[in-house]
N, C-alpha and C. Protein backbone atom coordinates (compact mmCIF):
# COMPACT_ATOMS: atom_id res chain seq x y z
N MET A 1 116.09 104.96 126.23
CA MET A 1 115.75 104.76 124.82
C MET A 1 115.26 106.07 124.18
N GLU A 2 114.65 106.92 125.01
CA GLU A 2 114.19 108.21 124.48
C GLU A 2 115.37 109.02 123.92
N GLN A 3 116.48 108.98 124.64
CA GLN A 3 117.66 109.72 124.20
C GLN A 3 118.18 109.16 122.86
N PHE A 4 118.19 107.85 122.72
CA PHE A 4 118.62 107.23 121.48
C PHE A 4 117.69 107.63 120.33
N GLU A 5 116.39 107.59 120.57
CA GLU A 5 115.45 107.96 119.51
C GLU A 5 115.60 109.45 119.14
N GLU A 6 115.82 110.28 120.11
CA GLU A 6 116.03 111.71 119.84
C GLU A 6 117.31 111.91 119.02
N GLN A 7 118.34 111.15 119.33
CA GLN A 7 119.60 111.21 118.57
C GLN A 7 119.36 110.80 117.11
N LEU A 8 118.60 109.73 116.91
CA LEU A 8 118.25 109.30 115.55
C LEU A 8 117.49 110.40 114.82
N HIS A 9 116.53 110.97 115.52
CA HIS A 9 115.71 112.03 114.94
C HIS A 9 116.58 113.19 114.47
N GLN A 10 117.47 113.64 115.35
CA GLN A 10 118.34 114.77 115.02
C GLN A 10 119.25 114.45 113.83
N ASP A 11 119.85 113.26 113.86
CA ASP A 11 120.76 112.88 112.78
C ASP A 11 120.03 112.80 111.44
N LEU A 12 118.90 112.11 111.41
CA LEU A 12 118.15 111.99 110.16
C LEU A 12 117.65 113.35 109.68
N HIS A 13 117.16 114.14 110.62
CA HIS A 13 116.65 115.47 110.25
C HIS A 13 117.76 116.31 109.63
N GLN A 14 118.92 116.36 110.26
CA GLN A 14 120.03 117.15 109.72
C GLN A 14 120.47 116.63 108.36
N PHE A 15 120.59 115.32 108.25
CA PHE A 15 121.00 114.73 106.98
C PHE A 15 119.99 115.05 105.87
N LEU A 16 118.73 114.81 106.13
CA LEU A 16 117.70 115.05 105.11
C LEU A 16 117.54 116.54 104.80
N GLN A 17 117.77 117.37 105.77
CA GLN A 17 117.73 118.82 105.53
C GLN A 17 118.90 119.22 104.64
N SER A 18 120.07 118.64 104.86
CA SER A 18 121.23 118.95 104.02
C SER A 18 121.01 118.50 102.57
N MET A 19 120.18 117.48 102.40
CA MET A 19 119.85 116.97 101.06
C MET A 19 118.62 117.69 100.48
N LYS A 20 118.10 118.67 101.23
CA LYS A 20 116.92 119.45 100.82
C LYS A 20 115.67 118.58 100.68
N GLU A 21 115.61 117.51 101.47
CA GLU A 21 114.45 116.59 101.46
C GLU A 21 113.41 116.94 102.50
N VAL A 22 113.81 117.67 103.54
CA VAL A 22 112.88 118.17 104.56
C VAL A 22 113.29 119.60 104.89
N ASP A 23 112.35 120.33 105.46
CA ASP A 23 112.62 121.69 105.91
C ASP A 23 113.14 121.67 107.34
N GLU A 24 113.61 122.83 107.80
CA GLU A 24 114.08 122.93 109.17
C GLU A 24 112.95 122.59 110.15
N ARG A 25 111.78 123.15 109.88
CA ARG A 25 110.61 122.84 110.70
C ARG A 25 109.85 121.70 110.02
N LEU A 26 109.67 120.62 110.75
CA LEU A 26 109.00 119.46 110.19
C LEU A 26 107.48 119.63 110.26
N PRO A 27 106.77 119.10 109.29
CA PRO A 27 105.30 119.26 109.26
C PRO A 27 104.63 118.42 110.34
N GLU A 28 103.42 118.79 110.64
CA GLU A 28 102.60 118.01 111.55
C GLU A 28 101.49 117.37 110.73
N CYS A 29 101.32 116.09 110.90
CA CYS A 29 100.28 115.37 110.17
C CYS A 29 99.75 114.28 111.10
N PRO A 30 98.87 114.65 112.01
CA PRO A 30 98.39 113.70 113.02
C PRO A 30 97.80 112.42 112.43
N ASP A 31 97.12 112.50 111.30
CA ASP A 31 96.54 111.30 110.71
C ASP A 31 97.61 110.26 110.40
N VAL A 32 98.71 110.71 109.82
CA VAL A 32 99.81 109.81 109.47
C VAL A 32 100.50 109.31 110.74
N GLU A 33 100.72 110.20 111.69
CA GLU A 33 101.37 109.82 112.94
C GLU A 33 100.53 108.81 113.72
N GLU A 34 99.22 108.96 113.68
CA GLU A 34 98.34 108.04 114.40
C GLU A 34 98.36 106.62 113.84
N LYS A 35 98.75 106.45 112.60
CA LYS A 35 98.82 105.12 111.99
C LYS A 35 100.07 104.36 112.42
N TRP A 36 101.05 105.05 113.02
CA TRP A 36 102.33 104.44 113.36
C TRP A 36 102.17 103.15 114.17
N GLU A 37 101.45 103.22 115.27
CA GLU A 37 101.39 102.07 116.17
C GLU A 37 100.79 100.84 115.48
N GLN A 38 99.72 101.04 114.74
CA GLN A 38 99.07 99.94 114.02
C GLN A 38 100.04 99.34 113.00
N ILE A 39 100.72 100.20 112.26
CA ILE A 39 101.67 99.74 111.24
C ILE A 39 102.83 99.01 111.90
N ALA A 40 103.37 99.57 112.97
CA ALA A 40 104.51 98.94 113.64
C ALA A 40 104.16 97.54 114.13
N LYS A 41 103.01 97.39 114.75
CA LYS A 41 102.61 96.07 115.25
C LYS A 41 102.52 95.05 114.12
N ALA A 42 102.03 95.47 112.99
CA ALA A 42 101.90 94.56 111.84
C ALA A 42 103.26 94.29 111.19
N TYR A 43 104.12 95.30 111.15
CA TYR A 43 105.40 95.21 110.45
C TYR A 43 106.47 94.42 111.23
N ILE A 44 106.51 94.59 112.52
CA ILE A 44 107.61 94.08 113.34
C ILE A 44 107.91 92.60 113.12
N PRO A 45 106.93 91.71 113.04
CA PRO A 45 107.29 90.29 112.80
C PRO A 45 108.08 90.10 111.50
N ASP A 46 107.69 90.77 110.42
CA ASP A 46 108.43 90.68 109.16
C ASP A 46 109.79 91.36 109.28
N GLY A 47 109.81 92.54 109.86
CA GLY A 47 111.05 93.30 109.97
C GLY A 47 112.11 92.59 110.79
N ILE A 48 111.69 92.03 111.91
CA ILE A 48 112.65 91.32 112.77
C ILE A 48 113.18 90.07 112.06
N ARG A 49 112.30 89.35 111.37
CA ARG A 49 112.72 88.14 110.65
C ARG A 49 113.80 88.48 109.62
N GLU A 50 113.71 89.63 108.98
CA GLU A 50 114.63 90.02 107.92
C GLU A 50 115.89 90.73 108.43
N PHE A 51 115.85 91.20 109.67
CA PHE A 51 116.88 92.09 110.17
C PHE A 51 118.29 91.51 110.11
N ASN A 52 118.50 90.27 110.56
CA ASN A 52 119.85 89.72 110.60
C ASN A 52 120.49 89.63 109.23
N ASP A 53 119.74 89.19 108.22
CA ASP A 53 120.31 89.02 106.88
C ASP A 53 120.24 90.29 106.04
N PHE A 54 119.23 91.11 106.27
CA PHE A 54 119.02 92.31 105.45
C PHE A 54 118.64 93.51 106.32
N PRO A 55 119.56 93.99 107.16
CA PRO A 55 119.21 95.08 108.07
C PRO A 55 118.79 96.36 107.36
N SER A 56 119.41 96.67 106.23
CA SER A 56 119.04 97.91 105.53
C SER A 56 117.63 97.83 104.98
N ALA A 57 117.23 96.67 104.50
CA ALA A 57 115.86 96.51 104.01
C ALA A 57 114.88 96.54 105.19
N SER A 58 115.21 95.84 106.25
CA SER A 58 114.34 95.79 107.42
C SER A 58 114.07 97.20 107.96
N LEU A 59 115.06 98.04 107.92
CA LEU A 59 114.91 99.42 108.39
C LEU A 59 114.34 100.32 107.29
N GLY A 60 114.92 100.24 106.12
CA GLY A 60 114.54 101.16 105.04
C GLY A 60 113.10 101.01 104.56
N TRP A 61 112.58 99.79 104.59
CA TRP A 61 111.21 99.58 104.13
C TRP A 61 110.24 100.45 104.93
N MET A 62 110.57 100.69 106.21
CA MET A 62 109.68 101.52 107.03
C MET A 62 109.67 102.97 106.56
N MET A 63 110.75 103.42 105.99
CA MET A 63 110.78 104.78 105.45
C MET A 63 109.85 104.85 104.23
N TYR A 64 109.90 103.83 103.40
CA TYR A 64 108.98 103.78 102.26
C TYR A 64 107.52 103.74 102.72
N ILE A 65 107.26 102.99 103.78
CA ILE A 65 105.90 102.91 104.30
C ILE A 65 105.43 104.28 104.76
N GLY A 66 106.30 105.01 105.44
CA GLY A 66 105.94 106.38 105.86
C GLY A 66 105.61 107.26 104.67
N MET A 67 106.38 107.12 103.61
CA MET A 67 106.12 107.90 102.39
C MET A 67 104.78 107.50 101.78
N ALA A 68 104.50 106.20 101.74
CA ALA A 68 103.24 105.72 101.17
C ALA A 68 102.05 106.24 101.97
N ILE A 69 102.14 106.21 103.28
CA ILE A 69 101.03 106.66 104.12
C ILE A 69 100.80 108.16 103.91
N ALA A 70 101.86 108.94 103.80
CA ALA A 70 101.71 110.38 103.53
C ALA A 70 101.04 110.60 102.18
N LYS A 71 101.42 109.82 101.20
CA LYS A 71 100.82 109.93 99.85
C LYS A 71 99.34 109.56 99.91
N PHE A 72 99.03 108.46 100.62
CA PHE A 72 97.62 108.07 100.77
C PHE A 72 96.83 109.17 101.47
N TRP A 73 97.44 109.79 102.47
CA TRP A 73 96.77 110.86 103.21
C TRP A 73 96.42 112.02 102.27
N ASP A 74 97.33 112.33 101.38
CA ASP A 74 97.11 113.42 100.45
C ASP A 74 96.12 113.06 99.35
N ASP A 75 96.13 111.82 98.91
CA ASP A 75 95.28 111.39 97.80
C ASP A 75 93.83 111.15 98.21
N GLU A 76 93.62 110.10 98.97
CA GLU A 76 92.25 109.70 99.32
C GLU A 76 92.24 109.10 100.71
N TRP A 77 92.47 109.94 101.72
CA TRP A 77 92.56 109.45 103.08
C TRP A 77 91.26 108.80 103.54
N GLU A 78 90.13 109.31 103.08
CA GLU A 78 88.83 108.71 103.43
C GLU A 78 88.82 107.23 103.10
N LEU A 79 89.37 106.87 101.97
CA LEU A 79 89.42 105.48 101.53
C LEU A 79 90.51 104.71 102.27
N TYR A 80 91.74 105.22 102.25
CA TYR A 80 92.88 104.50 102.80
C TYR A 80 92.85 104.39 104.32
N SER A 81 92.30 105.36 105.00
CA SER A 81 92.27 105.31 106.47
C SER A 81 91.38 104.19 106.98
N LYS A 82 90.51 103.68 106.13
CA LYS A 82 89.60 102.60 106.53
C LYS A 82 90.19 101.21 106.32
N ILE A 83 91.34 101.12 105.66
CA ILE A 83 91.97 99.81 105.46
C ILE A 83 92.45 99.31 106.82
N GLU A 84 91.96 98.13 107.20
CA GLU A 84 92.23 97.61 108.54
C GLU A 84 93.72 97.40 108.81
N ASP A 85 94.43 96.79 107.88
CA ASP A 85 95.87 96.54 108.04
C ASP A 85 96.58 97.11 106.82
N ILE A 86 96.90 98.38 106.90
CA ILE A 86 97.47 99.08 105.74
C ILE A 86 98.87 98.56 105.41
N TYR A 87 99.60 98.08 106.44
CA TYR A 87 100.90 97.47 106.16
C TYR A 87 100.72 96.22 105.30
N ALA A 88 99.81 95.34 105.68
CA ALA A 88 99.58 94.11 104.91
C ALA A 88 99.12 94.47 103.49
N TYR A 89 98.32 95.51 103.37
CA TYR A 89 97.87 95.96 102.05
C TYR A 89 99.09 96.30 101.18
N LEU A 90 100.02 97.05 101.71
CA LEU A 90 101.23 97.42 100.95
C LEU A 90 102.10 96.20 100.67
N ARG A 91 102.34 95.41 101.68
CA ARG A 91 103.21 94.23 101.54
C ARG A 91 102.65 93.22 100.53
N ASP A 92 101.36 93.01 100.57
CA ASP A 92 100.78 91.95 99.77
C ASP A 92 100.62 92.29 98.29
N GLN A 93 100.92 93.51 97.91
CA GLN A 93 100.86 93.87 96.49
C GLN A 93 101.89 93.09 95.68
N ARG A 94 103.12 92.97 96.22
CA ARG A 94 104.20 92.25 95.53
C ARG A 94 105.03 91.39 96.48
N GLY A 95 104.68 91.37 97.73
CA GLY A 95 105.44 90.63 98.73
C GLY A 95 106.43 91.54 99.44
N TYR A 96 106.90 91.08 100.59
CA TYR A 96 107.80 91.88 101.41
C TYR A 96 109.05 92.31 100.65
N ASP A 97 109.67 91.38 99.93
CA ASP A 97 110.94 91.66 99.28
C ASP A 97 110.85 92.74 98.20
N ARG A 98 109.68 92.91 97.63
CA ARG A 98 109.53 93.90 96.55
C ARG A 98 108.59 95.05 96.94
N MET A 99 108.35 95.19 98.22
CA MET A 99 107.46 96.26 98.69
C MET A 99 108.04 97.63 98.35
N ASP A 100 109.35 97.78 98.42
CA ASP A 100 109.98 99.06 98.09
C ASP A 100 109.70 99.44 96.64
N GLU A 101 109.80 98.48 95.74
CA GLU A 101 109.54 98.74 94.33
C GLU A 101 108.08 99.11 94.11
N TYR A 102 107.19 98.39 94.76
CA TYR A 102 105.76 98.70 94.62
C TYR A 102 105.48 100.14 95.07
N ILE A 103 106.01 100.52 96.21
CA ILE A 103 105.75 101.86 96.72
C ILE A 103 106.34 102.92 95.79
N ARG A 104 107.57 102.73 95.35
CA ARG A 104 108.17 103.72 94.45
C ARG A 104 107.42 103.82 93.13
N GLU A 105 107.08 102.69 92.54
CA GLU A 105 106.45 102.69 91.22
C GLU A 105 104.96 103.01 91.25
N ASP A 106 104.21 102.30 92.08
CA ASP A 106 102.75 102.37 92.00
C ASP A 106 102.11 103.34 92.98
N VAL A 107 102.78 103.64 94.07
CA VAL A 107 102.21 104.60 95.03
C VAL A 107 102.78 105.99 94.77
N LEU A 108 104.11 106.08 94.71
CA LEU A 108 104.75 107.39 94.53
C LEU A 108 104.89 107.77 93.05
N LEU A 109 104.65 106.81 92.18
CA LEU A 109 104.67 107.02 90.72
C LEU A 109 106.03 107.54 90.23
N LEU A 110 107.10 106.94 90.73
CA LEU A 110 108.44 107.35 90.34
C LEU A 110 108.99 106.43 89.26
N SER A 111 109.86 106.97 88.45
CA SER A 111 110.58 106.18 87.46
C SER A 111 111.90 106.88 87.18
N GLY A 112 112.76 106.20 86.44
CA GLY A 112 114.02 106.80 86.02
C GLY A 112 114.88 107.25 87.17
N ILE A 113 115.45 108.45 87.01
CA ILE A 113 116.41 108.97 87.98
C ILE A 113 115.78 109.19 89.35
N GLU A 114 114.51 109.64 89.38
CA GLU A 114 113.83 109.86 90.67
C GLU A 114 113.72 108.55 91.45
N TYR A 115 113.39 107.49 90.73
CA TYR A 115 113.25 106.16 91.33
C TYR A 115 114.58 105.73 91.95
N THR A 116 115.65 105.88 91.19
CA THR A 116 116.98 105.46 91.62
C THR A 116 117.50 106.35 92.75
N MET A 117 117.27 107.64 92.65
CA MET A 117 117.73 108.57 93.68
C MET A 117 117.05 108.29 95.02
N LEU A 118 115.75 107.99 94.98
CA LEU A 118 115.05 107.70 96.22
C LEU A 118 115.58 106.39 96.83
N GLU A 119 115.84 105.40 96.00
CA GLU A 119 116.39 104.15 96.48
C GLU A 119 117.73 104.39 97.20
N LYS A 120 118.58 105.21 96.63
CA LYS A 120 119.87 105.52 97.25
C LYS A 120 119.69 106.30 98.54
N LEU A 121 118.77 107.26 98.55
CA LEU A 121 118.54 108.08 99.73
C LEU A 121 118.00 107.23 100.89
N VAL A 122 117.03 106.40 100.61
CA VAL A 122 116.48 105.54 101.66
C VAL A 122 117.56 104.57 102.15
N GLY A 123 118.35 104.04 101.24
CA GLY A 123 119.45 103.17 101.62
C GLY A 123 120.44 103.86 102.54
N GLU A 124 120.75 105.11 102.24
CA GLU A 124 121.67 105.88 103.08
C GLU A 124 121.07 106.13 104.46
N CYS A 125 119.79 106.47 104.51
CA CYS A 125 119.13 106.70 105.81
C CYS A 125 119.12 105.41 106.63
N ALA A 126 118.78 104.30 105.99
CA ALA A 126 118.76 103.01 106.70
C ALA A 126 120.15 102.66 107.20
N SER A 127 121.16 102.93 106.41
CA SER A 127 122.54 102.64 106.79
C SER A 127 122.97 103.50 107.98
N ARG A 128 122.59 104.76 107.98
CA ARG A 128 122.93 105.66 109.09
C ARG A 128 122.29 105.17 110.39
N VAL A 129 121.02 104.79 110.27
CA VAL A 129 120.29 104.32 111.45
C VAL A 129 120.88 103.00 111.96
N TYR A 130 121.20 102.10 111.06
CA TYR A 130 121.80 100.82 111.44
C TYR A 130 123.15 101.06 112.13
N ASN A 131 123.94 101.95 111.60
CA ASN A 131 125.22 102.29 112.20
C ASN A 131 125.02 102.83 113.62
N SER A 132 124.05 103.72 113.79
CA SER A 132 123.76 104.25 115.13
C SER A 132 123.32 103.14 116.08
N LEU A 133 122.50 102.26 115.57
CA LEU A 133 122.01 101.14 116.39
C LEU A 133 123.18 100.24 116.83
N MET A 134 124.08 99.92 115.91
CA MET A 134 125.21 99.06 116.24
C MET A 134 126.15 99.72 117.25
N HIS A 135 126.25 101.04 117.20
CA HIS A 135 127.12 101.75 118.13
C HIS A 135 126.53 101.84 119.54
N GLN A 136 125.31 101.39 119.72
CA GLN A 136 124.71 101.36 121.06
C GLN A 136 125.22 100.17 121.86
N HIS A 137 125.81 99.18 121.17
CA HIS A 137 126.34 97.98 121.83
C HIS A 137 125.30 97.32 122.74
N ILE A 138 124.12 97.13 122.19
CA ILE A 138 123.02 96.50 122.92
C ILE A 138 123.06 95.00 122.64
N GLU A 139 122.86 94.22 123.67
CA GLU A 139 122.87 92.77 123.52
C GLU A 139 121.68 92.32 122.66
N PRO A 140 121.94 91.61 121.55
CA PRO A 140 120.85 91.14 120.69
C PRO A 140 119.87 90.24 121.45
N GLY A 141 118.61 90.30 121.06
CA GLY A 141 117.60 89.44 121.64
C GLY A 141 117.03 89.92 122.96
N THR A 142 117.48 91.08 123.43
CA THR A 142 116.98 91.62 124.70
C THR A 142 115.83 92.59 124.44
N LYS A 143 115.14 92.90 125.54
CA LYS A 143 114.05 93.88 125.45
C LYS A 143 114.61 95.24 125.00
N GLU A 144 115.79 95.56 125.47
CA GLU A 144 116.44 96.82 125.08
C GLU A 144 116.71 96.85 123.57
N ALA A 145 117.15 95.71 123.02
CA ALA A 145 117.40 95.62 121.58
C ALA A 145 116.10 95.80 120.80
N PHE A 146 115.05 95.17 121.27
CA PHE A 146 113.74 95.31 120.63
C PHE A 146 113.29 96.77 120.64
N ASN A 147 113.39 97.40 121.80
CA ASN A 147 112.96 98.81 121.91
C ASN A 147 113.81 99.72 121.03
N ALA A 148 115.08 99.45 120.93
CA ALA A 148 115.95 100.26 120.07
C ALA A 148 115.56 100.08 118.61
N TYR A 149 115.27 98.85 118.20
CA TYR A 149 114.82 98.58 116.83
C TYR A 149 113.53 99.34 116.53
N VAL A 150 112.59 99.30 117.45
CA VAL A 150 111.32 100.02 117.26
C VAL A 150 111.57 101.52 117.17
N SER A 151 112.49 102.04 117.95
CA SER A 151 112.83 103.48 117.87
C SER A 151 113.37 103.82 116.48
N CYS A 152 114.21 102.93 115.95
CA CYS A 152 114.75 103.14 114.60
C CYS A 152 113.63 103.17 113.56
N LEU A 153 112.75 102.20 113.64
CA LEU A 153 111.62 102.14 112.70
C LEU A 153 110.75 103.38 112.81
N HIS A 154 110.49 103.82 114.03
CA HIS A 154 109.63 104.98 114.24
C HIS A 154 110.19 106.23 113.56
N GLN A 155 111.48 106.47 113.76
CA GLN A 155 112.07 107.66 113.15
C GLN A 155 112.13 107.55 111.62
N LEU A 156 112.38 106.38 111.11
CA LEU A 156 112.38 106.21 109.65
C LEU A 156 110.99 106.41 109.07
N TYR A 157 109.98 105.90 109.74
CA TYR A 157 108.59 106.10 109.31
C TYR A 157 108.25 107.60 109.26
N LEU A 158 108.56 108.29 110.35
CA LEU A 158 108.24 109.72 110.41
C LEU A 158 109.01 110.51 109.35
N MET A 159 110.30 110.23 109.20
CA MET A 159 111.10 110.97 108.21
C MET A 159 110.63 110.68 106.79
N GLY A 160 110.21 109.44 106.53
CA GLY A 160 109.65 109.12 105.23
C GLY A 160 108.40 109.94 104.97
N ALA A 161 107.55 110.03 105.97
CA ALA A 161 106.32 110.83 105.83
C ALA A 161 106.66 112.30 105.62
N TYR A 162 107.60 112.83 106.40
CA TYR A 162 107.98 114.23 106.25
C TYR A 162 108.53 114.52 104.86
N MET A 163 109.38 113.61 104.37
CA MET A 163 109.94 113.79 103.02
C MET A 163 108.83 113.83 101.97
N GLN A 164 107.91 112.89 102.07
CA GLN A 164 106.85 112.83 101.06
C GLN A 164 105.95 114.06 101.15
N LEU A 165 105.65 114.51 102.35
CA LEU A 165 104.82 115.72 102.49
C LEU A 165 105.51 116.90 101.82
N LYS A 166 106.81 117.03 102.01
CA LYS A 166 107.53 118.12 101.34
C LYS A 166 107.49 117.95 99.82
N ARG A 167 107.70 116.73 99.36
CA ARG A 167 107.66 116.46 97.91
C ARG A 167 106.31 116.82 97.29
N MET A 168 105.26 116.73 98.10
CA MET A 168 103.92 117.05 97.61
C MET A 168 103.57 118.52 97.81
N GLY A 169 104.52 119.29 98.32
CA GLY A 169 104.30 120.73 98.43
C GLY A 169 103.91 121.25 99.79
N TYR A 170 103.89 120.39 100.79
CA TYR A 170 103.58 120.85 102.15
C TYR A 170 104.87 121.37 102.74
N ARG A 171 104.97 122.68 102.87
CA ARG A 171 106.19 123.32 103.34
C ARG A 171 105.95 123.95 104.70
N MET A 172 106.92 123.82 105.56
CA MET A 172 106.84 124.40 106.90
C MET A 172 107.93 125.46 107.01
N ILE A 173 107.67 126.61 106.41
CA ILE A 173 108.64 127.69 106.45
C ILE A 173 107.97 128.94 107.00
N LYS A 174 108.77 129.84 107.57
CA LYS A 174 108.23 131.09 108.09
C LYS A 174 107.73 131.95 106.95
N MET A 175 106.60 132.55 107.17
CA MET A 175 106.02 133.44 106.15
C MET A 175 106.43 134.87 106.41
């Protein structure tokens, strides 16, 4: 599974770099990375329930969550880091189905073309990851399928955070 996750990482990184959404060297943000496990545990029941009918949403929402956590880290981490279930906090603003809209509008403060462009970009990333997952030919409902799904979510979360950090001016370039 490590090899699969590394493949996802490389593919998303190259794609997002070609779109100028991340730099060659990705930023380090331990606070955001440390929230991953807590968020994943809270998200997985909702994500798995939605996966069969809406795989792009099930995957893509995690990219939005990564972006939201990076934004919270930059804004008021002292406040947001104390929220016990930050995933539930995001989800419960408008419900699971509209969590993407809430994050784009109220957390990232996007509108117009930026709002639409981010929706398309996240959709493309989710589609790429879903395609990679399907090409693994893993039997649904197995432990291997679960682990592969979690690997997909992890990389989308991290790439969402990296994108948002770059959007906020955190650049990882040689001086």
